Amino acid sequence: MIEPNHASTLPADTTVGFIGTGDMGGPMALNLLRAGYHVSAFDLNPKRLECLAEAGARIANTVDEVARDGALIMSCVNSPEALHAIGEVIAQHGTCKVFMDHSTSGPSAAVQLAERLACAGIAMLDAPISGMVQRAQDGTLSIMVSGPESAYALAKPLLDVVGAHVFYLGNSPGAGQMMKVANNLINNVQTLATCEALAMGLKFGLEPSQMFDILNVSTGRNSQTEGQLRSAVLENDFSKGAVMTISQKDITLAVDEAQALGVLAATAQTARDVIDSALATGGAQQRSSNIFRYVAGASGIAVE
């Protein structure tokens, strides 16, 4: 792949474009503003831009405006289709130096878009993020980056503002996305396994808080027993996590990429089937922590 030529440093007054200011992108853009960067922001939902406007962001009305404003543009959107549409607009303008995508769109999409942008003289970094909303707010996300090394050096100061753990995986496009897809496969499978184990214990008559206490000092400990599912079950708070349709998108990417590579993906396929069933029974409008309510309901356990 051709590596586009661009300056080794961004001018101090450079405007950073940010497209997609939802649960994760919004706090990231806000942290850039707090760090002193000029930000031009766009989101399909104007309400998501209000706090950024108050913090001093320039609010763009279209992706085209961001493409004209930003020498370095960041995105955090919900689908590969949205990513490609944004990339095409940026490629047509050709004024951006580096496009950095923080979405989870899969390695195939990253490779295709990197090639398209390179033809327009724009370097692409696929830089998916990991961590819940709180970590986006705190600027402590994990970020997995791949793409041209010179573009990574240019973007590193911005990455250090929004993330505490930044990993450069080399110049091959899609490597960051592959690492994120692998991470999400593990997270989705462990989430469902935890839900099933909890349902089994609850139906037997075990006390839920004691189950979590034991799991978290035993081999069953994971990010769900310590975090999202623990608060959901013990506090009856199922408002946390990404929208469940994003979980479906993530696990589907894992299945598709595994199949393309000829890798066994039996647990990923099972997880996708369960999430598909949850979506079909109302989960499409719910946060991902509600997968426990689906598993419990299918097990004959009522969760108010």
Protein backbone atom coordinates (compact mmCIF):
# COMPACT_ATOMS: atom_id res chain seq x y z
CA MET A 1 0.00 0.00 0.00
CA ILE A 2 1.18 3.54 -0.76
CA GLU A 3 1.86 5.57 2.36
CA PRO A 4 0.68 9.16 1.85
CA ASN A 5 3.12 11.97 2.47
CA HIS A 6 2.25 14.46 5.20
CA ALA A 7 3.94 16.77 7.67
CA SER A 8 5.61 15.15 10.66
CA THR A 9 3.81 17.43 13.12
CA LEU A 10 0.47 19.20 13.20
CA PRO A 11 0.50 22.98 13.64
CA ALA A 12 -0.49 24.15 17.10
CA ASP A 13 -3.70 25.72 15.81
CA THR A 14 -4.80 22.61 13.90
CA THR A 15 -8.50 21.78 14.13
CA VAL A 16 -9.29 18.16 14.96
CA GLY A 17 -12.45 16.84 13.35
CA PHE A 18 -14.62 14.43 15.34
CA ILE A 19 -17.50 12.52 13.75
CA GLY A 20 -19.81 10.47 15.98
CA THR A 21 -20.18 11.94 19.46
CA GLY A 22 -22.31 9.31 21.18
CA ASP A 23 -21.65 7.40 24.40
CA MET A 24 -17.94 6.99 23.66
CA GLY A 25 -17.12 9.60 21.04
CA GLY A 26 -18.71 12.46 22.98
CA PRO A 27 -16.48 12.11 26.06
CA MET A 28 -13.44 11.61 23.83
CA ALA A 29 -14.12 14.85 21.95
CA LEU A 30 -14.73 16.65 25.25
CA ASN A 31 -11.37 15.48 26.59
CA LEU A 32 -9.65 16.85 23.48
CA LEU A 33 -11.29 20.23 24.09
CA ARG A 34 -10.20 20.18 27.73
CA ALA A 35 -6.65 19.44 26.57
CA GLY A 36 -6.69 22.63 24.49
CA TYR A 37 -7.36 21.26 21.02
CA HIS A 38 -9.70 22.98 18.57
CA VAL A 39 -12.48 20.52 17.70
CA SER A 40 -14.98 20.53 14.84
CA ALA A 41 -17.70 18.02 15.76
CA PHE A 42 -20.59 16.36 13.93
CA ASP A 43 -23.23 13.86 14.94
CA LEU A 44 -26.55 12.85 13.41
CA ASN A 45 -28.19 13.59 16.78
CA PRO A 46 -27.85 17.33 17.57
CA LYS A 47 -28.48 16.74 21.29
CA ARG A 48 -25.19 14.87 21.52
CA LEU A 49 -23.39 18.04 20.44
CA GLU A 50 -24.80 20.40 23.04
CA CYS A 51 -22.22 19.81 25.77
CA LEU A 52 -19.41 20.04 23.19
CA ALA A 53 -20.72 23.38 21.97
CA GLU A 54 -20.75 24.63 25.56
CA ALA A 55 -17.13 23.48 25.92
CA GLY A 56 -16.08 25.47 22.85
CA ALA A 57 -16.33 23.04 19.95
CA ARG A 58 -17.25 24.24 16.50
CA ILE A 59 -20.44 22.38 15.61
CA ALA A 60 -20.55 21.23 11.99
CA ASN A 61 -23.82 20.68 10.18
CA THR A 62 -22.48 17.97 7.86
CA VAL A 63 -19.59 15.55 7.47
CA ASP A 64 -18.46 17.75 4.56
CA GLU A 65 -17.85 20.63 6.97
CA VAL A 66 -15.70 18.46 9.22
CA ALA A 67 -13.79 17.21 6.17
CA ARG A 68 -12.98 20.83 5.26
CA ASP A 69 -12.07 21.80 8.83
CA GLY A 70 -9.90 18.98 10.09
CA ALA A 71 -6.32 18.15 9.13
CA LEU A 72 -6.74 15.15 11.41
CA ILE A 73 -10.20 13.62 11.66
CA MET A 74 -11.41 11.06 14.21
CA SER A 75 -14.59 9.00 13.99
CA CYS A 76 -16.56 6.77 16.35
CA VAL A 77 -19.65 5.41 14.63
CA ASN A 78 -21.86 2.33 14.93
CA SER A 79 -21.47 0.46 11.65
CA PRO A 80 -19.04 -0.30 8.80
CA GLU A 81 -21.58 1.22 6.42
CA ALA A 82 -21.50 4.56 8.26
CA LEU A 83 -17.71 4.43 8.35
CA HIS A 84 -17.41 3.91 4.59
CA ALA A 85 -19.85 6.75 3.89
CA ILE A 86 -17.77 9.10 6.06
CA GLY A 87 -14.53 7.91 4.48
CA GLU A 88 -15.85 8.56 0.99
CA VAL A 89 -16.71 12.17 1.86
CA ILE A 90 -13.26 12.70 3.38
CA ALA A 91 -11.56 11.12 0.36
CA GLN A 92 -13.41 13.41 -2.02
CA HIS A 93 -12.26 16.52 -0.16
CA GLY A 94 -8.68 15.31 0.13
CA THR A 95 -7.68 18.02 2.64
CA CYS A 96 -7.30 15.71 5.64
CA LYS A 97 -3.81 14.44 6.51
CA VAL A 98 -4.81 11.54 8.78
CA PHE A 99 -8.17 9.83 9.31
CA MET A 100 -8.36 7.85 12.54
CA ASP A 101 -11.31 5.53 13.14
CA HIS A 102 -12.19 4.46 16.68
CA SER A 103 -15.23 2.40 15.69
CA THR A 104 -15.39 -1.38 15.74
CA SER A 105 -15.88 -2.08 12.06
CA GLY A 106 -13.68 -5.14 11.46
CA PRO A 107 -10.37 -5.60 9.65
CA SER A 108 -11.93 -6.11 6.22
CA ALA A 109 -13.62 -2.71 6.33
CA ALA A 110 -10.42 -1.08 7.59
CA VAL A 111 -8.32 -2.51 4.76
CA GLN A 112 -10.82 -1.39 2.11
CA LEU A 113 -11.10 2.13 3.47
CA ALA A 114 -7.35 2.51 3.98
CA GLU A 115 -6.81 1.71 0.31
CA ARG A 116 -9.48 4.21 -0.78
CA LEU A 117 -8.05 7.00 1.38
CA ALA A 118 -4.46 6.30 0.31
CA CYS A 119 -5.52 7.00 -3.28
CA ALA A 120 -6.60 10.45 -2.07
CA GLY A 121 -3.30 11.02 -0.26
CA ILE A 122 -4.79 10.45 3.18
CA ALA A 123 -3.29 8.12 5.78
CA MET A 124 -5.71 5.98 7.78
CA LEU A 125 -5.26 4.60 11.27
CA ASP A 126 -7.71 1.99 12.48
CA ALA A 127 -7.71 2.65 16.21
CA PRO A 128 -10.64 0.89 17.90
CA ILE A 129 -11.21 1.55 21.58
CA SER A 130 -12.04 -0.66 24.54
CA GLY A 131 -13.53 0.39 27.86
CA MET A 132 -16.92 1.45 29.15
CA VAL A 133 -18.34 4.99 29.13
CA GLN A 134 -16.65 5.83 32.43
CA ARG A 135 -13.23 5.17 30.92
CA ALA A 136 -14.08 7.33 27.91
CA GLN A 137 -14.98 10.11 30.33
CA ASP A 138 -11.81 9.60 32.37
CA GLY A 139 -9.56 9.44 29.29
CA THR A 140 -8.35 5.96 30.26
CA LEU A 141 -9.47 3.90 27.26
CA SER A 142 -7.45 1.08 25.73
CA ILE A 143 -6.67 1.85 22.08
CA MET A 144 -5.40 -0.63 19.48
CA VAL A 145 -3.78 1.18 16.53
CA SER A 146 -2.47 0.10 13.15
CA GLY A 147 -1.52 2.02 10.04
CA PRO A 148 1.42 4.08 8.73
CA GLU A 149 3.95 4.71 11.45
CA SER A 150 4.36 8.36 10.48
CA ALA A 151 0.59 8.87 10.84
CA TYR A 152 0.68 7.16 14.23
CA ALA A 153 3.45 9.52 15.38
CA LEU A 154 1.33 12.46 14.23
CA ALA A 155 -1.76 11.22 16.09
CA LYS A 156 -0.06 9.95 19.25
CA PRO A 157 -0.53 13.16 21.29
CA LEU A 158 -4.28 12.97 20.66
CA LEU A 159 -4.38 9.29 21.54
CA ASP A 160 -2.63 10.01 24.83
CA VAL A 161 -5.41 12.46 25.72
CA VAL A 162 -8.24 9.95 25.25
CA GLY A 163 -6.49 6.73 26.25
CA ALA A 164 -4.29 5.41 29.05
CA HIS A 165 -3.22 2.25 27.20
CA VAL A 166 -2.21 2.86 23.58
CA PHE A 167 -0.86 -0.10 21.60
CA TYR A 168 0.70 0.25 18.15
CA LEU A 169 0.29 -3.00 16.21
CA GLY A 170 2.26 -2.09 13.11
CA ASN A 171 1.63 -0.57 9.72
CA SER A 172 -0.62 -3.30 8.29
CA PRO A 173 -4.17 -1.90 7.98
CA GLY A 174 -6.77 -3.83 9.95
CA ALA A 175 -4.47 -5.14 12.69
CA GLY A 176 -6.02 -2.87 15.30
CA GLN A 177 -9.48 -3.94 14.21
CA MET A 178 -8.56 -7.63 14.35
CA MET A 179 -7.33 -7.22 17.92
CA LYS A 180 -10.56 -5.44 18.89
CA VAL A 181 -12.72 -8.11 17.22
CA ALA A 182 -10.82 -10.77 19.17
CA ASN A 183 -11.30 -8.83 22.40
CA ASN A 184 -15.02 -8.44 21.77
CA LEU A 185 -15.43 -12.12 20.97
CA ILE A 186 -14.03 -12.96 24.40
CA ASN A 187 -16.16 -10.33 26.12
CA ASN A 188 -19.42 -11.45 24.49
CA VAL A 189 -18.78 -15.13 25.22
CA GLN A 190 -17.77 -14.50 28.84
CA THR A 191 -20.83 -12.30 29.31
CA LEU A 192 -23.19 -15.07 28.21
CA ALA A 193 -21.32 -17.73 30.18
CA THR A 194 -21.57 -15.54 33.28
CA CYS A 195 -25.30 -15.01 32.72
CA GLU A 196 -25.90 -18.75 32.37
CA ALA A 197 -23.84 -19.55 35.47
CA LEU A 198 -25.70 -16.94 37.51
CA ALA A 199 -29.06 -18.21 36.30
CA MET A 200 -28.09 -21.75 37.22
CA GLY A 201 -27.03 -20.72 40.74
CA LEU A 202 -30.07 -18.51 41.30
CA LYS A 203 -32.49 -21.21 40.21
CA PHE A 204 -30.83 -23.62 42.61
CA GLY A 205 -31.24 -21.07 45.40
CA LEU A 206 -27.82 -19.49 45.81
CA GLU A 207 -27.72 -15.90 47.02
CA PRO A 208 -26.55 -13.56 44.19
CA SER A 209 -24.23 -11.27 46.16
CA GLN A 210 -22.47 -14.30 47.65
CA MET A 211 -22.08 -15.77 44.17
CA PHE A 212 -20.31 -12.63 43.00
CA ASP A 213 -18.10 -12.53 46.10
CA ILE A 214 -16.96 -16.09 45.48
CA LEU A 215 -16.55 -15.72 41.71
CA ASN A 216 -14.41 -12.62 42.11
CA VAL A 217 -11.82 -14.46 44.20
CA SER A 218 -12.01 -17.65 42.13
CA THR A 219 -11.27 -18.78 38.59
CA GLY A 220 -14.65 -17.58 37.31
CA ARG A 221 -13.68 -13.93 37.85
CA ASN A 222 -13.99 -11.73 34.75
CA SER A 223 -14.82 -8.17 33.73
CA GLN A 224 -18.55 -8.93 33.99
CA THR A 225 -18.49 -10.42 37.49
CA GLU A 226 -16.50 -7.40 38.64
CA GLY A 227 -18.38 -4.79 36.62
CA GLN A 228 -21.45 -4.45 34.48
CA LEU A 229 -23.34 -7.66 35.30
CA ARG A 230 -22.57 -7.37 38.98
CA SER A 231 -24.16 -3.94 39.24
CA ALA A 232 -27.04 -4.97 36.97
CA VAL A 233 -27.99 -8.01 39.02
CA LEU A 234 -27.29 -6.72 42.53
CA GLU A 235 -28.61 -3.20 42.00
CA ASN A 236 -31.33 -4.11 39.49
CA ASP A 237 -29.81 -1.52 37.16
CA PHE A 238 -29.95 -2.64 33.54
CA SER A 239 -29.22 0.76 32.03
CA LYS A 240 -25.50 0.15 31.49
CA GLY A 241 -23.52 -1.12 28.55
CA ALA A 242 -23.74 -0.43 24.84
CA VAL A 243 -26.99 -0.83 22.98
CA MET A 244 -27.51 -4.56 22.43
CA THR A 245 -27.50 -4.13 18.64
CA ILE A 246 -23.83 -3.17 18.96
CA SER A 247 -23.14 -6.45 20.77
CA GLN A 248 -24.79 -8.22 17.85
CA LYS A 249 -22.67 -6.28 15.36
CA ASP A 250 -19.48 -7.07 17.27
CA ILE A 251 -20.09 -10.80 17.60
CA THR A 252 -21.16 -11.02 13.96
CA LEU A 253 -17.89 -9.40 12.92
CA ALA A 254 -16.04 -12.02 14.97
CA VAL A 255 -17.92 -14.89 13.32
CA ASP A 256 -17.43 -13.47 9.83
CA GLU A 257 -13.71 -12.79 10.26
CA ALA A 258 -13.11 -16.20 11.83
CA GLN A 259 -14.89 -17.92 8.95
CA ALA A 260 -12.89 -15.90 6.42
CA LEU A 261 -9.66 -17.04 8.10
CA GLY A 262 -10.79 -20.65 8.47
CA VAL A 263 -10.75 -20.46 12.27
CA LEU A 264 -13.13 -22.42 14.51
CA ALA A 265 -15.75 -20.04 15.95
CA ALA A 266 -18.23 -22.37 17.66
CA THR A 267 -18.61 -20.33 20.85
CA ALA A 268 -18.87 -17.10 18.88
CA GLN A 269 -21.64 -18.57 16.72
CA THR A 270 -23.54 -19.73 19.80
CA ALA A 271 -23.18 -16.29 21.39
CA ARG A 272 -24.48 -14.68 18.21
CA ASP A 273 -27.51 -17.00 18.19
CA VAL A 274 -28.37 -16.08 21.79
CA ILE A 275 -27.98 -12.35 21.14
CA ASP A 276 -30.10 -12.65 17.97
CA SER A 277 -32.85 -14.30 20.03
CA ALA A 278 -32.65 -11.57 22.67
CA LEU A 279 -32.98 -8.90 20.00
CA ALA A 280 -35.99 -10.66 18.51
CA THR A 281 -37.76 -10.49 21.88
CA GLY A 282 -37.28 -6.80 22.58
CA GLY A 283 -33.55 -6.48 23.13
CA ALA A 284 -33.01 -4.16 20.16
CA GLN A 285 -34.11 -1.22 22.31
CA GLN A 286 -32.13 -2.25 25.39
CA ARG A 287 -28.61 -1.94 26.76
CA SER A 288 -26.34 -4.97 26.66
CA SER A 289 -26.65 -5.70 30.40
CA ASN A 290 -30.22 -6.79 29.67
CA ILE A 291 -28.87 -10.00 28.15
CA PHE A 292 -29.00 -11.35 31.71
CA ARG A 293 -32.74 -10.71 31.82
CA TYR A 294 -33.12 -12.67 28.58
CA VAL A 295 -31.07 -15.62 29.86
CA ALA A 296 -32.88 -15.56 33.20
CA GLY A 297 -36.28 -15.43 31.51
CA ALA A 298 -35.40 -18.34 29.25
CA SER A 299 -34.39 -20.21 32.40
CA GLY A 300 -37.71 -19.58 34.13
CA ILE A 301 -36.38 -16.87 36.48
CA ALA A 302 -38.36 -13.65 36.82
CA VAL A 303 -36.29 -10.45 36.91
CA GLU A 304 -38.30 -7.34 37.71
